[in-house]
Amino acid sequence: MATAEIVAVTLPALCEFCWVLKAAYGFTPHQLAVSLRLLADSENVAIDRDAVEAGLAMLEAGGDFADGVIAYEGRWLGGETFVTFDKRAAQIITNQDGSVHLLTAAS
């Protein structure tokens, strides 16, 4: 990676990166955030910085990086309400002044 001219890292790849570091290596949310920032701040890495920051904000609020990225992309595409089964993600988005619809099994 260090010798590549540019390394393009997609959002799905970053979500998988987080999942593997957490599930397989037992990284804490803090360790995940540090790792993501190191990768994102690498001079030759191209990423969607705004989406990564949204994912980091969700992660640092106690949620999952992927939920933050999904919420960001939904807003970017014109969506107004984050729809989820995840109660924790719904609460964090609500706390961040977002509109949320929490689905239930009966929904």
N, C-alpha and C. Protein backbone atom coordinates (compact mmCIF):
# COMPACT_ATOMS: atom_id res chain seq x y z
N MET A 1 0.81 -1.19 0.00
CA MET A 1 0.00 0.00 0.00
C MET A 1 0.86 1.26 0.00
N ALA A 2 1.95 1.21 0.73
CA ALA A 2 2.79 2.39 0.87
C ALA A 2 3.41 2.83 -0.45
N THR A 3 3.59 1.90 -1.37
CA THR A 3 4.24 2.26 -2.64
C THR A 3 3.24 2.53 -3.76
N ALA A 4 1.97 2.31 -3.51
CA ALA A 4 0.95 2.57 -4.53
C ALA A 4 0.75 4.06 -4.71
N GLU A 5 0.48 4.45 -5.94
CA GLU A 5 0.23 5.87 -6.22
C GLU A 5 -1.08 6.30 -5.56
N ILE A 6 -2.11 5.47 -5.70
CA ILE A 6 -3.39 5.75 -5.07
C ILE A 6 -4.04 4.43 -4.67
N VAL A 7 -4.66 4.45 -3.51
CA VAL A 7 -5.40 3.29 -3.01
C VAL A 7 -6.84 3.76 -2.81
N ALA A 8 -7.74 3.25 -3.64
CA ALA A 8 -9.15 3.61 -3.54
C ALA A 8 -9.83 2.61 -2.61
N VAL A 9 -10.41 3.14 -1.54
CA VAL A 9 -11.06 2.27 -0.55
C VAL A 9 -12.56 2.60 -0.54
N THR A 10 -13.35 1.63 -0.93
CA THR A 10 -14.80 1.83 -1.01
C THR A 10 -15.44 1.75 0.38
N LEU A 11 -16.63 2.27 0.49
CA LEU A 11 -17.35 2.21 1.76
C LEU A 11 -17.67 0.77 2.18
N PRO A 12 -18.11 -0.10 1.26
CA PRO A 12 -18.32 -1.50 1.69
C PRO A 12 -17.02 -2.13 2.22
N ALA A 13 -15.90 -1.81 1.59
CA ALA A 13 -14.62 -2.36 2.07
C ALA A 13 -14.31 -1.85 3.48
N LEU A 14 -14.61 -0.59 3.75
CA LEU A 14 -14.37 -0.05 5.10
C LEU A 14 -15.29 -0.70 6.13
N CYS A 15 -16.54 -0.96 5.74
CA CYS A 15 -17.46 -1.63 6.66
C CYS A 15 -16.97 -3.04 6.96
N GLU A 16 -16.50 -3.75 5.96
CA GLU A 16 -15.94 -5.08 6.16
C GLU A 16 -14.67 -5.02 7.01
N PHE A 17 -13.84 -4.02 6.77
CA PHE A 17 -12.62 -3.80 7.54
C PHE A 17 -12.97 -3.70 9.03
N CYS A 18 -13.98 -2.91 9.34
CA CYS A 18 -14.42 -2.76 10.74
C CYS A 18 -14.95 -4.07 11.30
N TRP A 19 -15.77 -4.75 10.52
CA TRP A 19 -16.37 -5.99 10.99
C TRP A 19 -15.28 -7.02 11.30
N VAL A 20 -14.31 -7.17 10.42
CA VAL A 20 -13.24 -8.15 10.63
C VAL A 20 -12.39 -7.77 11.84
N LEU A 21 -12.02 -6.49 11.95
CA LEU A 21 -11.20 -6.09 13.10
C LEU A 21 -11.93 -6.33 14.42
N LYS A 22 -13.24 -6.10 14.43
CA LYS A 22 -14.02 -6.30 15.66
C LYS A 22 -14.26 -7.79 15.92
N ALA A 23 -14.78 -8.49 14.93
CA ALA A 23 -15.19 -9.89 15.12
C ALA A 23 -14.01 -10.85 15.23
N ALA A 24 -13.02 -10.67 14.39
CA ALA A 24 -11.91 -11.63 14.36
C ALA A 24 -10.76 -11.25 15.29
N TYR A 25 -10.56 -9.95 15.47
CA TYR A 25 -9.40 -9.51 16.25
C TYR A 25 -9.77 -8.83 17.56
N GLY A 26 -11.05 -8.68 17.83
CA GLY A 26 -11.50 -8.13 19.10
C GLY A 26 -11.20 -6.67 19.33
N PHE A 27 -11.09 -5.90 18.25
CA PHE A 27 -10.83 -4.47 18.39
C PHE A 27 -11.97 -3.79 19.14
N THR A 28 -11.63 -2.84 19.98
CA THR A 28 -12.62 -2.02 20.66
C THR A 28 -13.07 -0.91 19.70
N PRO A 29 -14.19 -0.24 20.00
CA PRO A 29 -14.59 0.89 19.16
C PRO A 29 -13.49 1.95 19.04
N HIS A 30 -12.79 2.21 20.13
CA HIS A 30 -11.69 3.19 20.08
C HIS A 30 -10.59 2.73 19.12
N GLN A 31 -10.22 1.46 19.21
CA GLN A 31 -9.19 0.94 18.31
C GLN A 31 -9.65 0.98 16.85
N LEU A 32 -10.92 0.71 16.62
CA LEU A 32 -11.46 0.80 15.26
C LEU A 32 -11.35 2.22 14.73
N ALA A 33 -11.74 3.18 15.56
CA ALA A 33 -11.70 4.59 15.15
C ALA A 33 -10.28 5.01 14.82
N VAL A 34 -9.33 4.62 15.66
CA VAL A 34 -7.92 4.96 15.42
C VAL A 34 -7.45 4.33 14.11
N SER A 35 -7.80 3.08 13.90
CA SER A 35 -7.39 2.39 12.66
C SER A 35 -7.99 3.03 11.42
N LEU A 36 -9.27 3.38 11.50
CA LEU A 36 -9.92 4.05 10.37
C LEU A 36 -9.28 5.40 10.07
N ARG A 37 -8.99 6.15 11.12
CA ARG A 37 -8.38 7.46 10.92
C ARG A 37 -6.98 7.34 10.32
N LEU A 38 -6.21 6.36 10.77
CA LEU A 38 -4.88 6.15 10.20
C LEU A 38 -4.97 5.83 8.71
N LEU A 39 -5.90 4.96 8.36
CA LEU A 39 -6.08 4.60 6.96
C LEU A 39 -6.55 5.81 6.16
N ALA A 40 -7.58 6.48 6.65
CA ALA A 40 -8.16 7.62 5.93
C ALA A 40 -7.17 8.77 5.77
N ASP A 41 -6.28 8.93 6.73
CA ASP A 41 -5.32 10.04 6.68
C ASP A 41 -4.06 9.72 5.89
N SER A 42 -3.97 8.50 5.37
CA SER A 42 -2.82 8.14 4.54
C SER A 42 -2.84 8.98 3.28
N GLU A 43 -1.71 9.48 2.90
CA GLU A 43 -1.62 10.43 1.79
C GLU A 43 -2.13 9.88 0.47
N ASN A 44 -1.98 8.59 0.25
CA ASN A 44 -2.35 8.02 -1.05
C ASN A 44 -3.69 7.27 -1.03
N VAL A 45 -4.48 7.46 0.02
CA VAL A 45 -5.77 6.78 0.13
C VAL A 45 -6.90 7.73 -0.30
N ALA A 46 -7.73 7.22 -1.19
CA ALA A 46 -8.91 7.96 -1.64
C ALA A 46 -10.14 7.30 -1.03
N ILE A 47 -10.91 8.08 -0.27
CA ILE A 47 -12.13 7.58 0.38
C ILE A 47 -13.19 8.68 0.33
N ASP A 48 -14.40 8.30 0.65
CA ASP A 48 -15.49 9.27 0.80
C ASP A 48 -15.38 9.80 2.24
N ARG A 49 -14.67 10.89 2.40
CA ARG A 49 -14.35 11.43 3.73
C ARG A 49 -15.61 11.75 4.55
N ASP A 50 -16.62 12.34 3.92
CA ASP A 50 -17.83 12.70 4.66
C ASP A 50 -18.55 11.46 5.19
N ALA A 51 -18.62 10.41 4.38
CA ALA A 51 -19.26 9.18 4.82
C ALA A 51 -18.47 8.53 5.94
N VAL A 52 -17.15 8.56 5.83
CA VAL A 52 -16.30 7.99 6.88
C VAL A 52 -16.49 8.76 8.19
N GLU A 53 -16.56 10.06 8.11
CA GLU A 53 -16.78 10.86 9.33
C GLU A 53 -18.13 10.55 9.96
N ALA A 54 -19.15 10.32 9.13
CA ALA A 54 -20.46 9.95 9.66
C ALA A 54 -20.39 8.58 10.34
N GLY A 55 -19.67 7.66 9.74
CA GLY A 55 -19.49 6.35 10.34
C GLY A 55 -18.73 6.43 11.65
N LEU A 56 -17.70 7.26 11.68
CA LEU A 56 -16.92 7.44 12.90
C LEU A 56 -17.76 8.08 14.00
N ALA A 57 -18.61 9.04 13.63
CA ALA A 57 -19.48 9.67 14.63
C ALA A 57 -20.42 8.64 15.25
N MET A 58 -20.95 7.75 14.43
CA MET A 58 -21.83 6.69 14.93
C MET A 58 -21.03 5.74 15.83
N LEU A 59 -19.86 5.34 15.39
CA LEU A 59 -19.01 4.43 16.15
C LEU A 59 -18.65 5.04 17.51
N GLU A 60 -18.28 6.29 17.51
CA GLU A 60 -17.86 6.95 18.75
C GLU A 60 -19.04 7.25 19.67
N ALA A 61 -20.27 7.18 19.14
CA ALA A 61 -21.47 7.36 19.96
C ALA A 61 -21.98 6.02 20.50
N GLY A 62 -21.26 4.94 20.19
CA GLY A 62 -21.63 3.63 20.72
C GLY A 62 -22.32 2.73 19.71
N GLY A 63 -22.38 3.15 18.47
CA GLY A 63 -23.04 2.34 17.43
C GLY A 63 -22.03 1.68 16.51
N ASP A 64 -22.53 1.23 15.38
CA ASP A 64 -21.70 0.57 14.38
C ASP A 64 -21.32 1.55 13.27
N PHE A 65 -20.08 1.45 12.83
CA PHE A 65 -19.58 2.27 11.74
C PHE A 65 -20.50 2.17 10.52
N ALA A 66 -20.89 0.93 10.17
CA ALA A 66 -21.71 0.72 8.97
C ALA A 66 -23.04 1.46 9.06
N ASP A 67 -23.65 1.51 10.24
CA ASP A 67 -24.92 2.22 10.38
C ASP A 67 -24.75 3.71 10.11
N GLY A 68 -23.65 4.28 10.54
CA GLY A 68 -23.38 5.68 10.28
C GLY A 68 -23.19 5.95 8.79
N VAL A 69 -22.49 5.05 8.11
CA VAL A 69 -22.28 5.17 6.67
C VAL A 69 -23.61 5.04 5.93
N ILE A 70 -24.43 4.07 6.34
CA ILE A 70 -25.73 3.86 5.70
C ILE A 70 -26.63 5.08 5.89
N ALA A 71 -26.66 5.62 7.08
CA ALA A 71 -27.47 6.81 7.34
C ALA A 71 -26.99 7.99 6.51
N TYR A 72 -25.67 8.16 6.44
CA TYR A 72 -25.11 9.25 5.63
C TYR A 72 -25.51 9.10 4.16
N GLU A 73 -25.30 7.91 3.62
CA GLU A 73 -25.61 7.70 2.20
C GLU A 73 -27.09 7.90 1.91
N GLY A 74 -27.93 7.46 2.84
CA GLY A 74 -29.37 7.68 2.66
C GLY A 74 -29.71 9.15 2.57
N ARG A 75 -29.12 9.96 3.48
CA ARG A 75 -29.35 11.42 3.43
C ARG A 75 -28.79 12.00 2.14
N TRP A 76 -27.61 11.55 1.74
CA TRP A 76 -26.96 12.04 0.52
C TRP A 76 -27.82 11.77 -0.71
N LEU A 77 -28.52 10.64 -0.68
CA LEU A 77 -29.39 10.27 -1.80
C LEU A 77 -30.76 10.95 -1.74
N GLY A 78 -31.00 11.72 -0.69
CA GLY A 78 -32.26 12.45 -0.59
C GLY A 78 -33.24 11.89 0.41
N GLY A 79 -32.87 10.83 1.09
CA GLY A 79 -33.75 10.25 2.11
C GLY A 79 -33.87 11.17 3.31
N GLU A 80 -35.01 11.14 3.94
CA GLU A 80 -35.24 12.00 5.09
C GLU A 80 -35.32 11.22 6.40
N THR A 81 -35.61 9.92 6.32
CA THR A 81 -35.81 9.12 7.52
C THR A 81 -34.95 7.87 7.46
N PHE A 82 -34.22 7.62 8.54
CA PHE A 82 -33.42 6.40 8.68
C PHE A 82 -34.33 5.31 9.20
N VAL A 83 -34.44 4.22 8.47
CA VAL A 83 -35.31 3.11 8.84
C VAL A 83 -34.44 1.92 9.23
N THR A 84 -34.72 1.36 10.41
CA THR A 84 -33.88 0.28 10.92
C THR A 84 -34.62 -0.61 11.90
N PHE A 85 -34.10 -1.81 12.11
CA PHE A 85 -34.55 -2.69 13.18
C PHE A 85 -33.69 -2.50 14.43
N ASP A 86 -32.58 -1.82 14.28
CA ASP A 86 -31.56 -1.69 15.33
C ASP A 86 -31.93 -0.55 16.29
N LYS A 87 -32.34 -0.92 17.51
CA LYS A 87 -32.77 0.09 18.49
C LYS A 87 -31.63 1.04 18.86
N ARG A 88 -30.43 0.51 19.00
CA ARG A 88 -29.29 1.35 19.37
C ARG A 88 -28.99 2.36 18.27
N ALA A 89 -28.98 1.90 17.02
CA ALA A 89 -28.73 2.81 15.89
C ALA A 89 -29.82 3.88 15.82
N ALA A 90 -31.06 3.48 16.03
CA ALA A 90 -32.18 4.43 16.00
C ALA A 90 -32.00 5.51 17.07
N GLN A 91 -31.60 5.11 18.26
CA GLN A 91 -31.41 6.08 19.35
C GLN A 91 -30.28 7.04 19.04
N ILE A 92 -29.19 6.52 18.51
CA ILE A 92 -28.04 7.39 18.19
C ILE A 92 -28.41 8.38 17.10
N ILE A 93 -29.08 7.93 16.04
CA ILE A 93 -29.50 8.83 14.97
C ILE A 93 -30.46 9.88 15.52
N THR A 94 -31.38 9.47 16.39
CA THR A 94 -32.30 10.42 17.02
C THR A 94 -31.52 11.46 17.82
N ASN A 95 -30.52 11.01 18.58
CA ASN A 95 -29.69 11.92 19.37
C ASN A 95 -28.89 12.88 18.49
N GLN A 96 -28.63 12.47 17.26
CA GLN A 96 -27.91 13.33 16.30
C GLN A 96 -28.88 14.17 15.47
N ASP A 97 -30.12 14.30 15.98
CA ASP A 97 -31.16 15.11 15.34
C ASP A 97 -31.61 14.58 13.99
N GLY A 98 -31.55 13.26 13.83
CA GLY A 98 -32.04 12.66 12.60
C GLY A 98 -33.44 12.10 12.77
N SER A 99 -34.13 11.97 11.68
CA SER A 99 -35.45 11.36 11.67
C SER A 99 -35.28 9.85 11.56
N VAL A 100 -36.00 9.11 12.41
CA VAL A 100 -35.85 7.65 12.46
C VAL A 100 -37.21 6.98 12.49
N HIS A 101 -37.28 5.85 11.81
CA HIS A 101 -38.44 4.96 11.94
C HIS A 101 -37.89 3.61 12.36
N LEU A 102 -38.23 3.19 13.58
CA LEU A 102 -37.78 1.91 14.10
C LEU A 102 -38.79 0.84 13.73
N LEU A 103 -38.31 -0.13 12.97
CA LEU A 103 -39.18 -1.24 12.55
C LEU A 103 -39.24 -2.28 13.67
N THR A 104 -40.37 -2.97 13.71
CA THR A 104 -40.53 -4.09 14.64
C THR A 104 -40.91 -5.31 13.80
N ALA A 105 -40.93 -6.47 14.42
CA ALA A 105 -41.29 -7.69 13.71
C ALA A 105 -42.69 -7.57 13.10
N ALA A 106 -43.55 -6.80 13.72
CA ALA A 106 -44.91 -6.63 13.23
C ALA A 106 -45.02 -5.58 12.13
N SER A 107 -43.94 -4.83 11.89
CA SER A 107 -43.98 -3.73 10.90
C SER A 107 -44.19 -4.22 9.49
